[in-house]
Amino acid sequence: MKIPEDLTKKLRDEIIPMITKEAKYMIHSEKVPSPTLAEVFEIYRNEGIEKGIEKGRLEERRNLACELIREKFSNEKIARMTKLSIEDVIELRRKL
């Protein structure tokens, strides 16, 4: 399986600083085992899942806000109900 070039670059850009940091840490302490590459990937995978879930929740709140805008609710009420900022609600209203 071939990984797209942009993902390969992003992965490289994110992992190299981690490996460098871990190498510096290992020099100063041999008692703490460093994580394996599989563990590092698992950490990034879990972070990605969490970010994806949060992004989905935000999208749902925006969709609800759009429905409330169509129903002629005030910006303040929409912001309170969806936990979006007033500025976000105003921006969504402009886009509709």
Protein backbone atom coordinates (compact mmCIF):
# COMPACT_ATOMS: atom_id res chain seq x y z
CA MET A 1 0.00 0.00 0.00
CA LYS A 2 1.39 3.39 -0.95
CA ILE A 3 0.89 6.39 1.33
CA PRO A 4 0.16 9.69 -0.43
CA GLU A 5 3.12 12.07 -0.56
CA ASP A 6 1.42 14.83 1.46
CA LEU A 7 0.60 12.39 4.28
CA THR A 8 4.12 10.99 4.19
CA LYS A 9 5.55 14.50 4.56
CA LYS A 10 3.15 15.35 7.39
CA LEU A 11 3.97 12.12 9.20
CA ARG A 12 7.69 12.75 8.75
CA ASP A 13 7.34 16.34 10.00
CA GLU A 14 5.49 15.17 13.10
CA ILE A 15 7.52 12.09 13.97
CA ILE A 16 11.06 13.43 13.51
CA PRO A 17 10.69 16.02 16.33
CA MET A 18 9.25 13.30 18.57
CA ILE A 19 12.11 10.93 17.80
CA THR A 20 14.65 13.73 18.39
CA LYS A 21 13.06 14.62 21.71
CA GLU A 22 12.97 10.98 22.75
CA ALA A 23 16.61 10.49 21.77
CA LYS A 24 17.64 13.45 23.94
CA TYR A 25 15.59 12.05 26.80
CA MET A 26 17.16 8.59 26.42
CA ILE A 27 20.63 10.07 26.71
CA HIS A 28 19.76 11.43 30.15
CA SER A 29 17.81 8.45 31.45
CA GLU A 30 18.12 4.81 30.59
CA LYS A 31 15.59 3.71 33.21
CA VAL A 32 12.53 4.87 31.27
CA PRO A 33 11.86 2.79 28.17
CA SER A 34 11.08 4.76 25.06
CA PRO A 35 7.83 4.06 23.23
CA THR A 36 7.94 1.81 20.22
CA LEU A 37 7.00 3.12 16.81
CA ALA A 38 3.74 1.18 17.10
CA GLU A 39 2.98 2.96 20.38
CA VAL A 40 3.73 6.34 18.80
CA PHE A 41 1.40 5.52 15.91
CA GLU A 42 -1.29 4.44 18.37
CA ILE A 43 -0.99 7.75 20.22
CA TYR A 44 -1.36 9.71 16.97
CA ARG A 45 -4.22 7.47 15.87
CA ASN A 46 -6.10 8.09 19.12
CA GLU A 47 -5.49 11.83 18.88
CA GLY A 48 -6.78 11.77 15.32
CA ILE A 49 -9.91 9.93 16.39
CA GLU A 50 -10.53 12.46 19.17
CA LYS A 51 -10.05 15.37 16.75
CA GLY A 52 -12.41 13.74 14.26
CA ILE A 53 -15.09 13.25 16.90
CA GLU A 54 -14.77 16.88 18.00
CA LYS A 55 -14.93 18.05 14.38
CA GLY A 56 -18.11 16.00 13.89
CA ARG A 57 -19.68 17.51 16.98
CA LEU A 58 -18.86 21.02 15.81
CA GLU A 59 -20.36 20.26 12.41
CA GLU A 60 -23.55 19.01 14.08
CA ARG A 61 -23.78 22.19 16.17
CA ARG A 62 -23.35 24.27 13.02
CA ASN A 63 -26.03 22.27 11.20
CA LEU A 64 -28.40 22.80 14.12
CA ALA A 65 -27.59 26.52 14.08
CA CYS A 66 -28.44 26.69 10.38
CA GLU A 67 -31.79 25.06 11.04
CA LEU A 68 -32.49 27.52 13.85
CA ILE A 69 -31.50 30.42 11.59
CA ARG A 70 -34.02 29.19 9.02
CA GLU A 71 -36.62 29.11 11.80
CA LYS A 72 -35.84 32.80 12.54
CA PHE A 73 -34.32 32.32 16.02
CA SER A 74 -32.19 35.20 17.33
CA ASN A 75 -28.39 35.01 17.17
CA GLU A 76 -28.18 35.07 20.96
CA LYS A 77 -30.64 32.20 21.40
CA ILE A 78 -28.90 30.13 18.72
CA ALA A 79 -25.51 30.73 20.34
CA ARG A 80 -26.89 29.69 23.73
CA MET A 81 -28.58 26.56 22.35
CA THR A 82 -25.66 25.37 20.21
CA LYS A 83 -22.73 26.59 22.35
CA LEU A 84 -21.37 28.42 19.28
CA SER A 85 -20.08 31.96 19.56
CA ILE A 86 -22.30 34.81 18.42
CA GLU A 87 -19.68 35.55 15.75
CA ASP A 88 -19.98 31.99 14.40
CA VAL A 89 -23.77 32.28 14.29
CA ILE A 90 -23.57 35.63 12.48
CA GLU A 91 -21.13 34.12 9.96
CA LEU A 92 -23.43 31.15 9.36
CA ARG A 93 -26.38 33.51 8.91
CA ARG A 94 -24.43 35.46 6.28
CA LYS A 95 -23.65 32.27 4.36
CA LEU A 96 -27.30 31.17 4.19
